[in-house]
Amino acid sequence: MYICVCKAVTDSQIQTAIDNGMNTHRGLHQCLGVGSGCGKCKRHIRE
């Protein structure tokens, strides 16, 4: 399922990044670009 529509990032991509040690919002933003568009995904990313 898409979590960040602006950057077309899925929940599996986020989970893979977390599994590989990316454990902060800033890190996920740098790695995947999430949260840099409209911001609606930020709540889901925190979860």
C-alpha atoms as a PDB file:
ATOM      1  CA  MET A   1       0.000   0.000   0.000  1.00  0.00           C
ATOM      2  CA  TYR A   2       1.232   3.487  -0.799  1.00  0.00           C
ATOM      3  CA  ILE A   3       2.101   5.495   2.291  1.00  0.00           C
ATOM      4  CA  CYS A   4       3.600   8.532   0.539  1.00  0.00           C
ATOM      5  CA  VAL A   5       1.647   9.200  -2.633  1.00  0.00           C
ATOM      6  CA  CYS A   6       3.763  12.250  -3.536  1.00  0.00           C
ATOM      7  CA  LYS A   7       6.945  10.155  -3.740  1.00  0.00           C
ATOM      8  CA  ALA A   8       5.257   6.788  -4.544  1.00  0.00           C
ATOM      9  CA  VAL A   9       6.695   5.071  -1.455  1.00  0.00           C
ATOM     10  CA  THR A  10       5.036   1.922  -0.177  1.00  0.00           C
ATOM     11  CA  ASP A  11       4.778   0.461   3.296  1.00  0.00           C
ATOM     12  CA  SER A  12       7.137  -2.369   2.271  1.00  0.00           C
ATOM     13  CA  GLN A  13       9.791   0.101   1.165  1.00  0.00           C
ATOM     14  CA  ILE A  14       9.521   1.899   4.500  1.00  0.00           C
ATOM     15  CA  GLN A  15       9.652  -1.394   6.407  1.00  0.00           C
ATOM     16  CA  THR A  16      12.728  -2.498   4.446  1.00  0.00           C
ATOM     17  CA  ALA A  17      14.476   0.789   5.262  1.00  0.00           C
ATOM     18  CA  ILE A  18      13.583   0.360   8.949  1.00  0.00           C
ATOM     19  CA  ASP A  19      14.826  -3.246   8.908  1.00  0.00           C
ATOM     20  CA  ASN A  20      18.113  -1.949   7.465  1.00  0.00           C
ATOM     21  CA  GLY A  21      18.599   0.462  10.369  1.00  0.00           C
ATOM     22  CA  MET A  22      16.827   3.609   9.198  1.00  0.00           C
ATOM     23  CA  ASN A  23      14.896   4.429  12.373  1.00  0.00           C
ATOM     24  CA  THR A  24      14.212   8.164  12.287  1.00  0.00           C
ATOM     25  CA  HIS A  25      11.830  10.287  10.252  1.00  0.00           C
ATOM     26  CA  ARG A  26      14.797  12.336   9.067  1.00  0.00           C
ATOM     27  CA  GLY A  27      16.593   9.204   7.898  1.00  0.00           C
ATOM     28  CA  LEU A  28      13.539   7.937   6.034  1.00  0.00           C
ATOM     29  CA  HIS A  29      13.120  11.364   4.463  1.00  0.00           C
ATOM     30  CA  GLN A  30      16.739  11.359   3.261  1.00  0.00           C
ATOM     31  CA  CYS A  31      16.593   7.755   2.080  1.00  0.00           C
ATOM     32  CA  LEU A  32      13.143   7.628   0.474  1.00  0.00           C
ATOM     33  CA  GLY A  33      12.006  11.242   0.233  1.00  0.00           C
ATOM     34  CA  VAL A  34       8.903  10.639   2.363  1.00  0.00           C
ATOM     35  CA  GLY A  35       7.284  13.607   4.051  1.00  0.00           C
ATOM     36  CA  SER A  36       8.687  16.187   1.685  1.00  0.00           C
ATOM     37  CA  GLY A  37       5.542  16.736  -0.364  1.00  0.00           C
ATOM     38  CA  CYS A  38       2.114  17.382   1.095  1.00  0.00           C
ATOM     39  CA  GLY A  39       2.964  15.898   4.510  1.00  0.00           C
ATOM     40  CA  LYS A  40      -0.092  13.647   4.825  1.00  0.00           C
ATOM     41  CA  CYS A  41       2.121  10.586   5.209  1.00  0.00           C
ATOM     42  CA  LYS A  42       3.941  11.824   8.313  1.00  0.00           C
ATOM     43  CA  ARG A  43       1.422  10.281  10.710  1.00  0.00           C
ATOM     44  CA  HIS A  44       1.703   6.879   9.025  1.00  0.00           C
ATOM     45  CA  ILE A  45       5.479   7.041   9.000  1.00  0.00           C
ATOM     46  CA  ARG A  46       5.556   7.610  12.762  1.00  0.00           C
ATOM     47  CA  GLU A  47       3.426   4.505  13.283  1.00  0.00           C
END
